[in-house]
Amino acid sequence: MQGLNHFWESSDGVGRAVALLLLAMSVSAWVLILWKGWVLRRAAGDIARAVPAFWDADSLDDGRSRLAALDRERVLLPLLDAVAMQPAAGTLETSGQLESQLTRRLREALHRGLAHLQFGQVLLASVGSTAPFVGLFGTVWAIYHALVGVAAAGSISIDKVSGPIGEALVMTAAGIAVAVPAVLAYNVFGKRVSDCEAELEGFAHDLREMVLDAAGGKA
């Protein structure tokens, strides 16, 4: 704690700004990691339970009620609503074939669900890619600040240089410490989002085929 106090007191405005920026990046990344990990875990579990429950339903209304109860992140229910929606007659949306209408509505619903699951990925990627350079900049600036102080003192010795230089290198370590969790989380979450995306695309395809088969039977 005393080392941090000494580092803070010996730093100038630029060094303190860099330290605060790294702190803000670390806090935002960890908050997002905890929240996003919880959301993706819940979404994956809901998809695994809700899809079989829907297909085991006796009717479409029963299946919808099961989805509404199990789909807490609302990534499956919009797909069902998309195929059940009845657009107004005489519009451009109804001018195409039924296959095209279903594909368009399902694509839009799927994109909204994926946008919810992918939220925060850009921030994690940005923190992971820029934090080391922010820390390196803090190190370079702190070394420059330390050398200016030594030059102003008029004498150079190991004890006067090693302390400020060692404290400056902490900025590099801080930048790496901020970046590593963000990069790891970005990769792990990207894999989980891809798994959920595959399941959602499969469910959307099956819904589309169900509606087309029903329409073909009526015809």
Protein backbone atom coordinates (compact mmCIF):
# COMPACT_ATOMS: atom_id res chain seq x y z
CA MET A 1 0.00 0.00 0.00
CA GLN A 2 2.86 2.33 0.81
CA GLY A 3 4.38 1.54 -2.58
CA LEU A 4 1.17 2.55 -4.32
CA ASN A 5 0.99 5.76 -2.31
CA HIS A 6 4.60 6.57 -3.15
CA PHE A 7 3.98 5.80 -6.82
CA TRP A 8 0.89 8.02 -6.88
CA GLU A 9 2.62 10.89 -5.10
CA SER A 10 5.72 10.72 -7.29
CA SER A 11 3.75 10.59 -10.56
CA ASP A 12 2.67 13.63 -12.51
CA GLY A 13 -0.70 14.26 -14.13
CA VAL A 14 -0.02 12.10 -17.18
CA GLY A 15 1.12 9.13 -15.11
CA ARG A 16 -1.92 9.37 -12.84
CA ALA A 17 -4.22 9.64 -15.85
CA VAL A 18 -2.73 6.47 -17.34
CA ALA A 19 -3.12 4.64 -14.03
CA LEU A 20 -6.74 5.73 -13.72
CA LEU A 21 -7.40 4.70 -17.32
CA LEU A 22 -6.00 1.22 -16.67
CA LEU A 23 -8.09 0.98 -13.52
CA ALA A 24 -11.24 1.97 -15.43
CA MET A 25 -10.47 -0.54 -18.17
CA SER A 26 -9.91 -3.30 -15.62
CA VAL A 27 -13.10 -2.58 -13.69
CA SER A 28 -15.24 -2.35 -16.83
CA ALA A 29 -13.75 -5.56 -18.22
CA TRP A 30 -14.32 -7.54 -15.02
CA VAL A 31 -17.88 -6.26 -14.61
CA LEU A 32 -18.60 -7.27 -18.19
CA ILE A 33 -16.89 -10.64 -17.75
CA LEU A 34 -18.99 -11.52 -14.71
CA TRP A 35 -22.25 -10.31 -16.26
CA LYS A 36 -21.66 -11.83 -19.69
CA GLY A 37 -20.52 -15.14 -18.24
CA TRP A 38 -23.78 -15.35 -16.29
CA VAL A 39 -25.91 -14.39 -19.34
CA LEU A 40 -24.27 -16.86 -21.72
CA ARG A 41 -24.40 -19.69 -19.22
CA ARG A 42 -28.08 -19.06 -18.63
CA ALA A 43 -28.84 -18.71 -22.34
CA ALA A 44 -27.07 -21.96 -23.21
CA GLY A 45 -28.91 -23.82 -20.46
CA ASP A 46 -32.25 -22.36 -21.51
CA ILE A 47 -31.71 -23.33 -25.15
CA ALA A 48 -30.80 -26.88 -24.16
CA ARG A 49 -34.01 -27.22 -22.12
CA ALA A 50 -36.45 -25.10 -24.11
CA VAL A 51 -35.96 -26.53 -27.61
CA PRO A 52 -36.77 -30.17 -26.65
CA ALA A 53 -39.65 -28.94 -24.49
CA PHE A 54 -41.08 -27.02 -27.45
CA TRP A 55 -41.00 -29.99 -29.79
CA ASP A 56 -42.57 -32.21 -27.14
CA ALA A 57 -45.58 -29.87 -26.89
CA ASP A 58 -49.01 -31.00 -28.08
CA SER A 59 -49.79 -27.76 -29.91
CA LEU A 60 -48.18 -24.54 -31.05
CA ASP A 61 -49.79 -22.60 -28.20
CA ASP A 62 -48.48 -25.12 -25.69
CA GLY A 63 -45.04 -24.92 -27.26
CA ARG A 64 -45.07 -21.14 -27.06
CA SER A 65 -46.00 -21.21 -23.37
CA ARG A 66 -43.13 -23.60 -22.71
CA LEU A 67 -40.69 -21.33 -24.53
CA ALA A 68 -41.98 -18.31 -22.63
CA ALA A 69 -41.34 -20.11 -19.34
CA LEU A 70 -37.87 -21.43 -20.17
CA ASP A 71 -36.39 -18.80 -22.51
CA ARG A 72 -35.29 -16.26 -19.91
CA GLU A 73 -32.92 -14.38 -22.25
CA ARG A 74 -35.58 -14.17 -24.96
CA VAL A 75 -33.51 -15.54 -27.81
CA LEU A 76 -35.86 -18.38 -28.84
CA LEU A 77 -39.29 -16.85 -28.39
CA PRO A 78 -38.73 -14.08 -31.00
CA LEU A 79 -38.02 -16.79 -33.58
CA LEU A 80 -41.38 -18.41 -32.91
CA ASP A 81 -43.10 -15.04 -32.99
CA ALA A 82 -41.45 -14.32 -36.34
CA VAL A 83 -43.01 -17.36 -38.03
CA ALA A 84 -46.37 -16.80 -36.33
CA MET A 85 -46.59 -13.13 -37.29
CA GLN A 86 -49.21 -12.15 -39.83
CA PRO A 87 -48.04 -9.07 -41.77
CA ALA A 88 -50.58 -6.65 -43.16
CA ALA A 89 -51.83 -7.55 -46.60
CA GLY A 90 -50.86 -5.41 -49.56
CA THR A 91 -47.39 -4.55 -48.23
CA LEU A 92 -44.00 -5.28 -49.74
CA GLU A 93 -43.43 -7.84 -46.99
CA THR A 94 -46.28 -9.99 -48.32
CA SER A 95 -45.39 -9.57 -51.98
CA GLY A 96 -42.76 -12.31 -51.95
CA GLN A 97 -43.05 -16.04 -51.61
CA LEU A 98 -43.77 -17.51 -48.18
CA GLU A 99 -40.27 -18.99 -48.04
CA SER A 100 -38.71 -15.56 -48.53
CA GLN A 101 -41.00 -13.93 -45.98
CA LEU A 102 -40.14 -16.53 -43.35
CA THR A 103 -36.41 -16.29 -44.10
CA ARG A 104 -36.41 -12.52 -43.73
CA ARG A 105 -38.39 -12.46 -40.48
CA LEU A 106 -36.35 -15.27 -38.95
CA ARG A 107 -33.10 -13.59 -39.98
CA GLU A 108 -34.12 -10.35 -38.29
CA ALA A 109 -35.20 -12.15 -35.10
CA LEU A 110 -31.99 -14.20 -35.09
CA HIS A 111 -29.83 -11.09 -35.49
CA ARG A 112 -31.55 -9.41 -32.54
CA GLY A 113 -30.97 -12.44 -30.34
CA LEU A 114 -27.32 -12.71 -31.38
CA ALA A 115 -26.79 -8.99 -30.78
CA HIS A 116 -27.91 -9.55 -27.19
CA LEU A 117 -25.53 -12.49 -26.74
CA GLN A 118 -22.62 -10.67 -28.43
CA PHE A 119 -23.01 -7.50 -26.38
CA GLY A 120 -19.70 -6.42 -24.83
CA GLN A 121 -17.43 -8.39 -27.16
CA VAL A 122 -16.14 -5.19 -28.74
CA LEU A 123 -15.25 -3.77 -25.34
CA LEU A 124 -13.38 -6.92 -24.32
CA ALA A 125 -11.48 -6.93 -27.61
CA SER A 126 -10.63 -3.25 -27.25
CA VAL A 127 -9.39 -3.63 -23.69
CA GLY A 128 -7.38 -6.73 -24.56
CA SER A 129 -5.69 -5.09 -27.53
CA THR A 130 -5.02 -1.61 -26.13
CA ALA A 131 -4.28 -2.13 -22.41
CA PRO A 132 -0.67 -3.34 -22.97
CA PHE A 133 0.08 -0.26 -25.07
CA VAL A 134 -1.50 2.03 -22.50
CA GLY A 135 0.68 0.43 -19.84
CA LEU A 136 3.75 0.74 -22.07
CA PHE A 137 3.01 4.40 -22.62
CA GLY A 138 2.75 4.84 -18.85
CA THR A 139 6.09 3.12 -18.43
CA VAL A 140 7.85 5.29 -20.99
CA TRP A 141 6.37 8.45 -19.53
CA ALA A 142 7.25 7.44 -15.96
CA ILE A 143 10.84 6.66 -16.98
CA TYR A 144 11.08 10.03 -18.70
CA HIS A 145 9.64 11.73 -15.61
CA ALA A 146 12.12 9.89 -13.38
CA LEU A 147 15.09 10.80 -15.56
CA VAL A 148 14.04 14.44 -15.60
CA GLY A 149 13.94 14.36 -11.82
CA VAL A 150 17.40 12.79 -11.63
CA ALA A 151 18.78 15.38 -14.05
CA ALA A 152 17.26 18.17 -12.00
CA ALA A 153 18.91 16.76 -8.87
CA GLY A 154 22.30 17.08 -10.56
CA SER A 155 23.62 13.66 -9.55
CA ILE A 156 23.07 10.11 -10.80
CA SER A 157 23.31 6.98 -8.66
CA ILE A 158 21.86 3.49 -8.74
CA ASP A 159 19.60 4.05 -5.75
CA LYS A 160 18.14 7.21 -7.30
CA VAL A 161 17.49 5.54 -10.65
CA SER A 162 16.44 2.00 -9.71
CA GLY A 163 13.48 3.04 -7.57
CA PRO A 164 11.72 5.31 -10.11
CA ILE A 165 12.54 2.96 -13.02
CA GLY A 166 11.19 -0.07 -11.10
CA GLU A 167 8.02 1.79 -10.26
CA ALA A 168 7.66 2.81 -13.90
CA LEU A 169 7.87 -0.80 -15.06
CA VAL A 170 4.85 -1.56 -12.89
CA MET A 171 2.77 0.25 -15.52
CA THR A 172 3.74 -2.36 -18.12
CA ALA A 173 2.80 -5.17 -15.78
CA ALA A 174 -0.49 -3.45 -15.01
CA GLY A 175 -1.31 -3.14 -18.69
CA ILE A 176 -0.66 -6.86 -19.24
CA ALA A 177 -2.67 -7.76 -16.14
CA VAL A 178 -5.63 -5.81 -17.50
CA ALA A 179 -5.35 -7.25 -21.02
CA VAL A 180 -4.97 -10.98 -20.27
CA PRO A 181 -8.38 -11.55 -18.60
CA ALA A 182 -10.11 -9.53 -21.32
CA VAL A 183 -8.48 -11.54 -24.11
CA LEU A 184 -9.22 -14.89 -22.47
CA ALA A 185 -12.83 -13.89 -21.80
CA TYR A 186 -13.25 -12.67 -25.38
CA ASN A 187 -12.12 -16.04 -26.75
CA VAL A 188 -14.20 -18.10 -24.32
CA PHE A 189 -17.32 -16.02 -24.84
CA GLY A 190 -16.84 -16.07 -28.61
CA LYS A 191 -16.93 -19.88 -28.50
CA ARG A 192 -20.06 -19.88 -26.35
CA VAL A 193 -21.82 -17.38 -28.59
CA SER A 194 -20.95 -19.52 -31.62
CA ASP A 195 -22.43 -22.59 -29.92
CA CYS A 196 -25.63 -20.70 -29.10
CA GLU A 197 -25.76 -19.31 -32.64
CA ALA A 198 -25.61 -22.82 -34.11
CA GLU A 199 -28.48 -23.95 -31.89
CA LEU A 200 -30.57 -20.89 -32.72
CA GLU A 201 -29.99 -21.29 -36.45
CA GLY A 202 -31.03 -24.93 -36.21
CA PHE A 203 -34.19 -24.02 -34.32
CA ALA A 204 -35.00 -21.27 -36.85
CA HIS A 205 -34.52 -23.72 -39.73
CA ASP A 206 -36.81 -26.28 -38.11
CA LEU A 207 -39.48 -23.65 -37.47
CA ARG A 208 -39.31 -22.53 -41.10
CA GLU A 209 -39.70 -26.09 -42.34
CA MET A 210 -42.61 -26.70 -39.98
CA VAL A 211 -44.51 -23.68 -41.28
CA LEU A 212 -43.78 -24.52 -44.91
CA ASP A 213 -44.89 -28.13 -44.42
CA ALA A 214 -48.10 -26.92 -42.78
CA ALA A 215 -48.73 -24.47 -45.62
CA GLY A 216 -48.06 -27.18 -48.21
CA GLY A 217 -50.49 -29.52 -46.46
CA LYS A 218 -53.21 -26.90 -46.48
CA ALA A 219 -52.62 -26.26 -50.13
